[in-house]
Amino acid sequence: MIYDIRHVTRFDYGASVKFARCNLRLKPIHWSGQTLESYRLSISPSGRCAPARAEAGLANVMRLVVEEPVRHLVIESVSRITVDRPVPMPSPADPTLARIAATARASRDASPAGPASYMFPSPLIPLDRDIADWCAIDLDPDRPCLDAAIALARRIQEEFEFDAAATLVDTPPHDAFLKRRGVCQDFAQIMITGLRAAGLPAAYASGYIRTIPPPGQERLVGADATHAWVLLWCGADLGWVGVDPTNGIWMAGDHIVMAIGRDYAEIAPIDGIVLGSGAQKMDVSVDVAPVVAAMA
């Protein structure tokens, strides 16, 4: 499937901003099962962009510097990407969780995609005994890794309620766990907490998911959103396998990976500093459109 993705972020400032320096992680990365065909980034009314080295994780980082006073700032990211990723098929022959944990501990792969960086707590995903115990029900060490991963993702999807008003971007996983409600970021962080507590390498994936409108209704342009899910390292043969606890499904042809890190703080689409006074309002519009469907 080929997708056209348009991601627009608009900032409205209560007073003139004299200087801003931001990190933009809006360009999808090259990852297994997807190929970036084209990309365009535009800043309005002004701004200077240059590539920057990713501080951590797997991300395409652009540094944006605004040096002229502005009251409004619009950042538009446009991508075309081909996704050809099969749905994983669990097998009794898959390595067990115990084997994955042991293999990860013995790994000497220090690359950004190696398992070592994703086995331990991170700033936004600390150790949590309550979450670890709850997740452990599905994480028997002798269970095949893919079977365990999708079982845990589906239990989160079944037992937690999606509620955009329940949490904020900085809500700790423990709080969302106690409420049994939240958004995709919360569900991903809860699942990652449990996997890491079991000694398994688990990464936070940020990107997009194709949304299909209800029967008889048209797609609403700009009504999509960024999405978050989990990557579990399943050994050298299977590699990183994606699971989506918000929807209880695998990462497959409807998922587009934008960035991968230990948690959201490393791969937020936009972060940085702004020098100015007054309030700030941010509006985000995302559109994920299948090219084939648009041509039909």
C-alpha atoms as a PDB file:
ATOM      1  CA  MET A   1       0.000   0.000   0.000  1.00  0.00           C
ATOM      2  CA  ILE A   2       1.149   3.541  -0.796  1.00  0.00           C
ATOM      3  CA  TYR A   3       0.193   6.323   1.609  1.00  0.00           C
ATOM      4  CA  ASP A   4       0.265  10.093   1.376  1.00  0.00           C
ATOM      5  CA  ILE A   5       0.686  11.608   4.840  1.00  0.00           C
ATOM      6  CA  ARG A   6       0.153  15.275   5.669  1.00  0.00           C
ATOM      7  CA  HIS A   7       0.980  16.359   9.215  1.00  0.00           C
ATOM      8  CA  VAL A   8       0.352  20.037  10.027  1.00  0.00           C
ATOM      9  CA  THR A   9       1.153  21.648  13.384  1.00  0.00           C
ATOM     10  CA  ARG A  10       0.072  25.232  14.055  1.00  0.00           C
ATOM     11  CA  PHE A  11       1.270  27.290  17.012  1.00  0.00           C
ATOM     12  CA  ASP A  12      -0.560  30.472  18.004  1.00  0.00           C
ATOM     13  CA  TYR A  13       1.266  32.607  20.555  1.00  0.00           C
ATOM     14  CA  GLY A  14      -0.320  35.096  22.929  1.00  0.00           C
ATOM     15  CA  ALA A  15       2.588  37.469  22.391  1.00  0.00           C
ATOM     16  CA  SER A  16       5.342  37.773  19.831  1.00  0.00           C
ATOM     17  CA  VAL A  17       7.961  35.009  20.061  1.00  0.00           C
ATOM     18  CA  LYS A  18      11.432  36.390  19.460  1.00  0.00           C
ATOM     19  CA  PHE A  19      13.339  33.112  19.186  1.00  0.00           C
ATOM     20  CA  ALA A  20      12.584  29.405  18.994  1.00  0.00           C
ATOM     21  CA  ARG A  21      14.773  26.341  18.678  1.00  0.00           C
ATOM     22  CA  CYS A  22      12.970  23.057  18.088  1.00  0.00           C
ATOM     23  CA  ASN A  23      13.650  19.436  17.221  1.00  0.00           C
ATOM     24  CA  LEU A  24      11.373  18.041  14.514  1.00  0.00           C
ATOM     25  CA  ARG A  25      10.930  14.275  14.195  1.00  0.00           C
ATOM     26  CA  LEU A  26       8.345  14.286  11.438  1.00  0.00           C
ATOM     27  CA  LYS A  27      10.108  12.441   8.626  1.00  0.00           C
ATOM     28  CA  PRO A  28       9.346   8.684   8.710  1.00  0.00           C
ATOM     29  CA  ILE A  29      12.414   6.487   9.081  1.00  0.00           C
ATOM     30  CA  HIS A  30      13.465   3.666   6.782  1.00  0.00           C
ATOM     31  CA  TRP A  31      12.338   0.527   8.599  1.00  0.00           C
ATOM     32  CA  SER A  32      11.582  -3.054   7.752  1.00  0.00           C
ATOM     33  CA  GLY A  33       8.455  -3.233   5.604  1.00  0.00           C
ATOM     34  CA  GLN A  34       8.331   0.411   4.587  1.00  0.00           C
ATOM     35  CA  THR A  35      10.112   2.672   2.087  1.00  0.00           C
ATOM     36  CA  LEU A  36      10.001   6.457   2.112  1.00  0.00           C
ATOM     37  CA  GLU A  37       9.382   7.593  -1.476  1.00  0.00           C
ATOM     38  CA  SER A  38       9.348  11.373  -0.999  1.00  0.00           C
ATOM     39  CA  TYR A  39       9.322  13.959   1.745  1.00  0.00           C
ATOM     40  CA  ARG A  40       8.742  17.704   2.032  1.00  0.00           C
ATOM     41  CA  LEU A  41       8.934  19.991   5.060  1.00  0.00           C
ATOM     42  CA  SER A  42       7.755  23.610   5.039  1.00  0.00           C
ATOM     43  CA  ILE A  43       7.782  26.300   7.738  1.00  0.00           C
ATOM     44  CA  SER A  44       5.606  29.420   7.674  1.00  0.00           C
ATOM     45  CA  PRO A  45       6.083  32.363   8.000  1.00  0.00           C
ATOM     46  CA  SER A  46       9.817  31.839   8.579  1.00  0.00           C
ATOM     47  CA  GLY A  47      12.353  29.432   9.985  1.00  0.00           C
ATOM     48  CA  ARG A  48      15.695  27.832   9.228  1.00  0.00           C
ATOM     49  CA  CYS A  49      15.989  24.010   9.177  1.00  0.00           C
ATOM     50  CA  ALA A  50      19.012  21.741   9.097  1.00  0.00           C
ATOM     51  CA  PRO A  51      19.513  18.009   9.716  1.00  0.00           C
ATOM     52  CA  ALA A  52      20.634  17.083  13.227  1.00  0.00           C
ATOM     53  CA  ARG A  53      22.030  13.901  14.697  1.00  0.00           C
ATOM     54  CA  ALA A  54      19.429  11.924  16.618  1.00  0.00           C
ATOM     55  CA  GLU A  55      20.141  12.227  20.322  1.00  0.00           C
ATOM     56  CA  ALA A  56      18.814   8.747  20.993  1.00  0.00           C
ATOM     57  CA  GLY A  57      16.770   6.075  19.333  1.00  0.00           C
ATOM     58  CA  LEU A  58      15.931   5.844  15.661  1.00  0.00           C
ATOM     59  CA  ALA A  59      14.622   9.124  14.276  1.00  0.00           C
ATOM     60  CA  ASN A  60      15.173  11.622  11.491  1.00  0.00           C
ATOM     61  CA  VAL A  61      15.802  14.832  13.417  1.00  0.00           C
ATOM     62  CA  MET A  62      15.605  18.286  11.869  1.00  0.00           C
ATOM     63  CA  ARG A  63      16.640  21.339  13.877  1.00  0.00           C
ATOM     64  CA  LEU A  64      14.333  24.322  13.405  1.00  0.00           C
ATOM     65  CA  VAL A  65      15.507  27.804  14.400  1.00  0.00           C
ATOM     66  CA  VAL A  66      13.168  30.793  14.275  1.00  0.00           C
ATOM     67  CA  GLU A  67      15.058  34.064  14.659  1.00  0.00           C
ATOM     68  CA  GLU A  68      12.435  36.594  13.542  1.00  0.00           C
ATOM     69  CA  PRO A  69       9.501  37.619  15.772  1.00  0.00           C
ATOM     70  CA  VAL A  70       6.346  35.596  15.031  1.00  0.00           C
ATOM     71  CA  ARG A  71       2.830  35.344  16.474  1.00  0.00           C
ATOM     72  CA  HIS A  72       1.969  32.206  14.492  1.00  0.00           C
ATOM     73  CA  LEU A  73       4.040  29.278  13.254  1.00  0.00           C
ATOM     74  CA  VAL A  74       2.911  26.520  10.893  1.00  0.00           C
ATOM     75  CA  ILE A  75       4.993  23.353  10.370  1.00  0.00           C
ATOM     76  CA  GLU A  76       3.840  21.156   7.495  1.00  0.00           C
ATOM     77  CA  SER A  77       5.291  17.695   6.861  1.00  0.00           C
ATOM     78  CA  VAL A  78       4.269  15.785   3.720  1.00  0.00           C
ATOM     79  CA  SER A  79       5.381  12.181   3.040  1.00  0.00           C
ATOM     80  CA  ARG A  80       4.698   9.488   0.507  1.00  0.00           C
ATOM     81  CA  ILE A  81       5.569   6.041   1.759  1.00  0.00           C
ATOM     82  CA  THR A  82       5.162   2.470   0.555  1.00  0.00           C
ATOM     83  CA  VAL A  83       4.271  -0.134   3.183  1.00  0.00           C
ATOM     84  CA  ASP A  84       4.612  -3.841   2.430  1.00  0.00           C
ATOM     85  CA  ARG A  85       4.649  -5.608   5.770  1.00  0.00           C
ATOM     86  CA  PRO A  86       3.063  -9.038   6.341  1.00  0.00           C
ATOM     87  CA  VAL A  87       1.030  -9.863   9.403  1.00  0.00           C
ATOM     88  CA  PRO A  88       3.209 -11.906  11.816  1.00  0.00           C
ATOM     89  CA  MET A  89       2.163 -15.534  12.212  1.00  0.00           C
ATOM     90  CA  PRO A  90       2.839 -16.999  15.680  1.00  0.00           C
ATOM     91  CA  SER A  91       4.252 -20.518  15.744  1.00  0.00           C
ATOM     92  CA  PRO A  92       4.986 -23.017  18.526  1.00  0.00           C
ATOM     93  CA  ALA A  93       8.524 -23.068  17.124  1.00  0.00           C
ATOM     94  CA  ASP A  94       9.076 -19.359  17.923  1.00  0.00           C
ATOM     95  CA  PRO A  95      11.723 -18.723  20.583  1.00  0.00           C
ATOM     96  CA  THR A  96      10.385 -18.575  24.121  1.00  0.00           C
ATOM     97  CA  LEU A  97      10.414 -15.433  26.215  1.00  0.00           C
ATOM     98  CA  ALA A  98      13.132 -16.961  28.387  1.00  0.00           C
ATOM     99  CA  ARG A  99      15.308 -17.548  25.338  1.00  0.00           C
ATOM    100  CA  ILE A 100      14.705 -14.009  24.060  1.00  0.00           C
ATOM    101  CA  ALA A 101      15.647 -12.525  27.430  1.00  0.00           C
ATOM    102  CA  ALA A 102      18.841 -14.609  27.593  1.00  0.00           C
ATOM    103  CA  THR A 103      19.798 -13.801  24.007  1.00  0.00           C
ATOM    104  CA  ALA A 104      19.255 -10.080  24.608  1.00  0.00           C
ATOM    105  CA  ARG A 105      21.444 -10.129  27.725  1.00  0.00           C
ATOM    106  CA  ALA A 106      24.223 -11.809  25.756  1.00  0.00           C
ATOM    107  CA  SER A 107      23.938  -9.497  22.742  1.00  0.00           C
ATOM    108  CA  ARG A 108      26.898  -7.263  21.910  1.00  0.00           C
ATOM    109  CA  ASP A 109      24.954  -5.220  19.360  1.00  0.00           C
ATOM    110  CA  ALA A 110      25.423  -1.592  20.447  1.00  0.00           C
ATOM    111  CA  SER A 111      23.696  -0.096  17.397  1.00  0.00           C
ATOM    112  CA  PRO A 112      20.547   2.040  17.768  1.00  0.00           C
ATOM    113  CA  ALA A 113      18.477  -0.981  16.714  1.00  0.00           C
ATOM    114  CA  GLY A 114      20.200  -3.412  19.085  1.00  0.00           C
ATOM    115  CA  PRO A 115      18.236  -4.829  22.035  1.00  0.00           C
ATOM    116  CA  ALA A 116      20.484  -3.511  24.820  1.00  0.00           C
ATOM    117  CA  SER A 117      19.050   0.017  24.915  1.00  0.00           C
ATOM    118  CA  TYR A 118      15.478  -1.196  25.344  1.00  0.00           C
ATOM    119  CA  MET A 119      15.743  -3.669  28.223  1.00  0.00           C
ATOM    120  CA  PHE A 120      15.844  -1.212  31.110  1.00  0.00           C
ATOM    121  CA  PRO A 121      13.653   1.516  32.631  1.00  0.00           C
ATOM    122  CA  SER A 122      13.661   4.905  30.907  1.00  0.00           C
ATOM    123  CA  PRO A 123      12.645   8.372  32.157  1.00  0.00           C
ATOM    124  CA  LEU A 124       8.965   8.029  31.208  1.00  0.00           C
ATOM    125  CA  ILE A 125       8.697   4.251  31.697  1.00  0.00           C
ATOM    126  CA  PRO A 126      10.048   3.342  35.155  1.00  0.00           C
ATOM    127  CA  LEU A 127       9.848  -0.009  36.880  1.00  0.00           C
ATOM    128  CA  ASP A 128       6.395  -0.649  38.328  1.00  0.00           C
ATOM    129  CA  ARG A 129       5.593  -3.743  40.356  1.00  0.00           C
ATOM    130  CA  ASP A 130       1.814  -3.508  39.930  1.00  0.00           C
ATOM    131  CA  ILE A 131       2.056  -3.304  36.142  1.00  0.00           C
ATOM    132  CA  ALA A 132       4.724  -6.011  36.045  1.00  0.00           C
ATOM    133  CA  ASP A 133       2.549  -8.423  38.035  1.00  0.00           C
ATOM    134  CA  TRP A 134      -0.506  -7.728  35.863  1.00  0.00           C
ATOM    135  CA  CYS A 135       1.421  -8.258  32.624  1.00  0.00           C
ATOM    136  CA  ALA A 136       3.180 -11.372  33.939  1.00  0.00           C
ATOM    137  CA  ILE A 137      -0.045 -13.352  33.512  1.00  0.00           C
ATOM    138  CA  ASP A 138       0.649 -13.434  29.765  1.00  0.00           C
ATOM    139  CA  LEU A 139       4.445 -13.556  29.998  1.00  0.00           C
ATOM    140  CA  ASP A 140       5.271 -17.083  31.102  1.00  0.00           C
ATOM    141  CA  PRO A 141       8.994 -17.547  30.341  1.00  0.00           C
ATOM    142  CA  ASP A 142       8.278 -20.799  28.459  1.00  0.00           C
ATOM    143  CA  ARG A 143       5.676 -19.217  26.171  1.00  0.00           C
ATOM    144  CA  PRO A 144       6.596 -18.546  22.498  1.00  0.00           C
ATOM    145  CA  CYS A 145       7.372 -14.852  22.101  1.00  0.00           C
ATOM    146  CA  LEU A 146       4.851 -13.892  19.401  1.00  0.00           C
ATOM    147  CA  ASP A 147       2.003 -15.730  21.109  1.00  0.00           C
ATOM    148  CA  ALA A 148       2.760 -13.952  24.388  1.00  0.00           C
ATOM    149  CA  ALA A 149       3.085 -10.519  22.769  1.00  0.00           C
ATOM    150  CA  ILE A 150      -0.262 -10.548  20.993  1.00  0.00           C
ATOM    151  CA  ALA A 151      -2.005 -12.039  24.044  1.00  0.00           C
ATOM    152  CA  LEU A 152      -0.804  -9.174  26.252  1.00  0.00           C
ATOM    153  CA  ALA A 153      -1.687  -6.560  23.623  1.00  0.00           C
ATOM    154  CA  ARG A 154      -5.203  -7.964  23.289  1.00  0.00           C
ATOM    155  CA  ARG A 155      -5.752  -8.068  27.050  1.00  0.00           C
ATOM    156  CA  ILE A 156      -4.793  -4.393  27.285  1.00  0.00           C
ATOM    157  CA  GLN A 157      -7.174  -3.609  24.424  1.00  0.00           C
ATOM    158  CA  GLU A 158      -9.989  -5.518  26.120  1.00  0.00           C
ATOM    159  CA  GLU A 159      -9.539  -4.311  29.702  1.00  0.00           C
ATOM    160  CA  PHE A 160      -8.607  -0.652  29.157  1.00  0.00           C
ATOM    161  CA  GLU A 161     -10.877   2.054  27.782  1.00  0.00           C
ATOM    162  CA  PHE A 162      -9.715   4.611  25.217  1.00  0.00           C
ATOM    163  CA  ASP A 163     -10.403   8.023  26.778  1.00  0.00           C
ATOM    164  CA  ALA A 164      -8.611  11.080  25.414  1.00  0.00           C
ATOM    165  CA  ALA A 165      -9.633  13.140  28.449  1.00  0.00           C
ATOM    166  CA  ALA A 166      -8.275  10.694  31.047  1.00  0.00           C
ATOM    167  CA  THR A 167      -4.555  11.434  30.739  1.00  0.00           C
ATOM    168  CA  LEU A 168      -2.014  14.016  29.612  1.00  0.00           C
ATOM    169  CA  VAL A 169       1.190  13.582  27.644  1.00  0.00           C
ATOM    170  CA  ASP A 170       3.196  13.406  30.902  1.00  0.00           C
ATOM    171  CA  THR A 171       0.838  11.082  32.817  1.00  0.00           C
ATOM    172  CA  PRO A 172       2.921   8.269  34.385  1.00  0.00           C
ATOM    173  CA  PRO A 173       2.082   4.718  33.278  1.00  0.00           C
ATOM    174  CA  HIS A 174       1.069   3.841  36.839  1.00  0.00           C
ATOM    175  CA  ASP A 175      -1.696   6.474  36.874  1.00  0.00           C
ATOM    176  CA  ALA A 176      -3.155   5.300  33.559  1.00  0.00           C
ATOM    177  CA  PHE A 177      -2.916   1.710  34.782  1.00  0.00           C
ATOM    178  CA  LEU A 178      -4.923   2.493  37.910  1.00  0.00           C
ATOM    179  CA  LYS A 179      -7.585   4.346  35.896  1.00  0.00           C
ATOM    180  CA  ARG A 180      -7.762   1.540  33.315  1.00  0.00           C
ATOM    181  CA  ARG A 181      -8.164   4.206  30.647  1.00  0.00           C
ATOM    182  CA  GLY A 182      -6.082   6.524  28.503  1.00  0.00           C
ATOM    183  CA  VAL A 183      -4.739   6.839  24.954  1.00  0.00           C
ATOM    184  CA  CYS A 184      -2.319   4.942  22.742  1.00  0.00           C
ATOM    185  CA  GLN A 185       0.732   6.409  24.488  1.00  0.00           C
ATOM    186  CA  ASP A 186      -0.510   5.129  27.850  1.00  0.00           C
ATOM    187  CA  PHE A 187      -1.291   1.633  26.571  1.00  0.00           C
ATOM    188  CA  ALA A 188       2.094   1.366  24.845  1.00  0.00           C
ATOM    189  CA  GLN A 189       3.918   2.487  27.992  1.00  0.00           C
ATOM    190  CA  ILE A 190       2.016   0.007  30.166  1.00  0.00           C
ATOM    191  CA  MET A 191       2.866  -2.867  27.835  1.00  0.00           C
ATOM    192  CA  ILE A 192       6.523  -1.812  27.613  1.00  0.00           C
ATOM    193  CA  THR A 193       6.708  -1.638  31.423  1.00  0.00           C
ATOM    194  CA  GLY A 194       5.565  -5.245  31.684  1.00  0.00           C
ATOM    195  CA  LEU A 195       7.832  -6.535  28.930  1.00  0.00           C
ATOM    196  CA  ARG A 196      10.944  -4.855  30.343  1.00  0.00           C
ATOM    197  CA  ALA A 197      10.112  -6.131  33.829  1.00  0.00           C
ATOM    198  CA  ALA A 198      10.235  -9.627  32.296  1.00  0.00           C
ATOM    199  CA  GLY A 199      13.739  -8.930  30.945  1.00  0.00           C
ATOM    200  CA  LEU A 200      12.586  -8.379  27.364  1.00  0.00           C
ATOM    201  CA  PRO A 201      13.741  -5.612  24.986  1.00  0.00           C
ATOM    202  CA  ALA A 202      10.735  -3.413  24.209  1.00  0.00           C
ATOM    203  CA  ALA A 203      10.765  -0.145  22.271  1.00  0.00           C
ATOM    204  CA  TYR A 204       8.271   2.692  21.874  1.00  0.00           C
ATOM    205  CA  ALA A 205       7.186   3.247  18.258  1.00  0.00           C
ATOM    206  CA  SER A 206       5.639   6.505  17.090  1.00  0.00           C
ATOM    207  CA  GLY A 207       3.967   7.008  13.749  1.00  0.00           C
ATOM    208  CA  TYR A 208       0.656   6.728  11.977  1.00  0.00           C
ATOM    209  CA  ILE A 209      -2.078   4.175  11.428  1.00  0.00           C
ATOM    210  CA  ARG A 210      -4.516   4.050   8.559  1.00  0.00           C
ATOM    211  CA  THR A 211      -8.012   4.778   9.831  1.00  0.00           C
ATOM    212  CA  ILE A 212     -11.093   3.471   8.058  1.00  0.00           C
ATOM    213  CA  PRO A 213     -14.356   5.456   8.481  1.00  0.00           C
ATOM    214  CA  PRO A 214     -17.608   3.739   9.478  1.00  0.00           C
ATOM    215  CA  PRO A 215     -19.634   2.222   6.616  1.00  0.00           C
ATOM    216  CA  GLY A 216     -21.326   4.886   4.507  1.00  0.00           C
ATOM    217  CA  GLN A 217     -19.202   7.753   5.873  1.00  0.00           C
ATOM    218  CA  GLU A 218     -16.400   9.612   4.108  1.00  0.00           C
ATOM    219  CA  ARG A 219     -12.920  10.041   5.489  1.00  0.00           C
ATOM    220  CA  LEU A 220     -12.539  13.383   7.243  1.00  0.00           C
ATOM    221  CA  VAL A 221      -9.440  15.140   5.952  1.00  0.00           C
ATOM    222  CA  GLY A 222      -7.157  16.093   8.829  1.00  0.00           C
ATOM    223  CA  ALA A 223      -9.033  13.950  11.360  1.00  0.00           C
ATOM    224  CA  ASP A 224      -6.345  11.282  11.734  1.00  0.00           C
ATOM    225  CA  ALA A 225      -3.702  11.454  14.467  1.00  0.00           C
ATOM    226  CA  THR A 226      -0.255  10.271  15.380  1.00  0.00           C
ATOM    227  CA  HIS A 227      -0.215   6.832  16.954  1.00  0.00           C
ATOM    228  CA  ALA A 228       1.977   4.837  19.343  1.00  0.00           C
ATOM    229  CA  TRP A 229       2.577   1.133  19.768  1.00  0.00           C
ATOM    230  CA  VAL A 230       5.207  -1.387  20.915  1.00  0.00           C
ATOM    231  CA  LEU A 231       8.132  -3.178  19.286  1.00  0.00           C
ATOM    232  CA  LEU A 232       9.343  -6.408  20.903  1.00  0.00           C
ATOM    233  CA  TRP A 233      12.771  -7.757  19.960  1.00  0.00           C
ATOM    234  CA  CYS A 234      12.310 -11.456  19.196  1.00  0.00           C
ATOM    235  CA  GLY A 235      15.855 -12.548  18.405  1.00  0.00           C
ATOM    236  CA  ALA A 236      18.093 -12.371  15.364  1.00  0.00           C
ATOM    237  CA  ASP A 237      15.766 -14.329  13.077  1.00  0.00           C
ATOM    238  CA  LEU A 238      12.472 -12.567  13.813  1.00  0.00           C
ATOM    239  CA  GLY A 239      13.965  -9.200  14.732  1.00  0.00           C
ATOM    240  CA  TRP A 240      11.696  -6.414  15.977  1.00  0.00           C
ATOM    241  CA  VAL A 241       8.008  -7.303  15.819  1.00  0.00           C
ATOM    242  CA  GLY A 242       5.336  -4.638  16.314  1.00  0.00           C
ATOM    243  CA  VAL A 243       2.194  -5.046  18.427  1.00  0.00           C
ATOM    244  CA  ASP A 244      -0.528  -2.440  18.892  1.00  0.00           C
ATOM    245  CA  PRO A 245      -2.183  -2.674  22.339  1.00  0.00           C
ATOM    246  CA  THR A 246      -4.640   0.129  21.583  1.00  0.00           C
ATOM    247  CA  ASN A 247      -6.259  -1.997  18.883  1.00  0.00           C
ATOM    248  CA  GLY A 248      -5.110  -5.466  19.917  1.00  0.00           C
ATOM    249  CA  ILE A 249      -3.441  -6.096  16.549  1.00  0.00           C
ATOM    250  CA  TRP A 250      -0.045  -6.594  14.943  1.00  0.00           C
ATOM    251  CA  MET A 251       1.919  -3.804  13.310  1.00  0.00           C
ATOM    252  CA  ALA A 252       1.404  -4.628   9.641  1.00  0.00           C
ATOM    253  CA  GLY A 253       0.294  -2.882   6.471  1.00  0.00           C
ATOM    254  CA  ASP A 254      -1.725  -0.143   8.181  1.00  0.00           C
ATOM    255  CA  HIS A 255       1.122   1.123  10.403  1.00  0.00           C
ATOM    256  CA  ILE A 256       3.752   3.683   9.343  1.00  0.00           C
ATOM    257  CA  VAL A 257       6.786   4.032  11.639  1.00  0.00           C
ATOM    258  CA  MET A 258       7.946   7.605  12.134  1.00  0.00           C
ATOM    259  CA  ALA A 259      10.449   7.106  14.972  1.00  0.00           C
ATOM    260  CA  ILE A 260      11.557   4.545  17.562  1.00  0.00           C
ATOM    261  CA  GLY A 261      12.968   5.158  21.034  1.00  0.00           C
ATOM    262  CA  ARG A 262      12.939   4.071  24.652  1.00  0.00           C
ATOM    263  CA  ASP A 263       9.895   6.252  25.361  1.00  0.00           C
ATOM    264  CA  TYR A 264       7.971   9.241  24.041  1.00  0.00           C
ATOM    265  CA  ALA A 265      10.440  11.802  25.404  1.00  0.00           C
ATOM    266  CA  GLU A 266      13.108  10.629  22.951  1.00  0.00           C
ATOM    267  CA  ILE A 267      10.944  10.739  19.848  1.00  0.00           C
ATOM    268  CA  ALA A 268       8.258  13.399  20.349  1.00  0.00           C
ATOM    269  CA  PRO A 269       7.287  14.830  16.937  1.00  0.00           C
ATOM    270  CA  ILE A 270       8.179  18.359  18.093  1.00  0.00           C
ATOM    271  CA  ASP A 271       9.994  19.642  21.167  1.00  0.00           C
ATOM    272  CA  GLY A 272      12.290  22.539  22.019  1.00  0.00           C
ATOM    273  CA  ILE A 273      12.394  25.991  23.579  1.00  0.00           C
ATOM    274  CA  VAL A 274      10.519  29.205  22.837  1.00  0.00           C
ATOM    275  CA  LEU A 275      11.512  32.658  24.107  1.00  0.00           C
ATOM    276  CA  GLY A 276       8.478  34.847  24.585  1.00  0.00           C
ATOM    277  CA  SER A 277       5.654  35.728  26.939  1.00  0.00           C
ATOM    278  CA  GLY A 278       1.991  34.873  26.881  1.00  0.00           C
ATOM    279  CA  ALA A 279       0.050  31.699  26.308  1.00  0.00           C
ATOM    280  CA  GLN A 280       0.617  29.180  23.526  1.00  0.00           C
ATOM    281  CA  LYS A 281      -1.973  27.161  21.629  1.00  0.00           C
ATOM    282  CA  MET A 282      -1.133  24.179  19.450  1.00  0.00           C
ATOM    283  CA  ASP A 283      -3.398  22.554  16.863  1.00  0.00           C
ATOM    284  CA  VAL A 284      -2.422  19.370  15.009  1.00  0.00           C
ATOM    285  CA  SER A 285      -4.011  18.031  11.821  1.00  0.00           C
ATOM    286  CA  VAL A 286      -3.013  14.641  10.400  1.00  0.00           C
ATOM    287  CA  ASP A 287      -4.229  12.991   7.216  1.00  0.00           C
ATOM    288  CA  VAL A 288      -3.203   9.438   6.219  1.00  0.00           C
ATOM    289  CA  ALA A 289      -4.583   8.720   2.733  1.00  0.00           C
ATOM    290  CA  PRO A 290      -4.076   5.474   0.762  1.00  0.00           C
ATOM    291  CA  VAL A 291      -3.024   6.480  -2.741  1.00  0.00           C
ATOM    292  CA  VAL A 292      -4.726   3.513  -4.407  1.00  0.00           C
ATOM    293  CA  ALA A 293      -8.014   4.303  -2.700  1.00  0.00           C
ATOM    294  CA  ALA A 294      -7.739   7.942  -3.706  1.00  0.00           C
ATOM    295  CA  MET A 295      -7.271   6.974  -7.367  1.00  0.00           C
ATOM    296  CA  ALA A 296     -10.162   4.519  -7.427  1.00  0.00           C
END
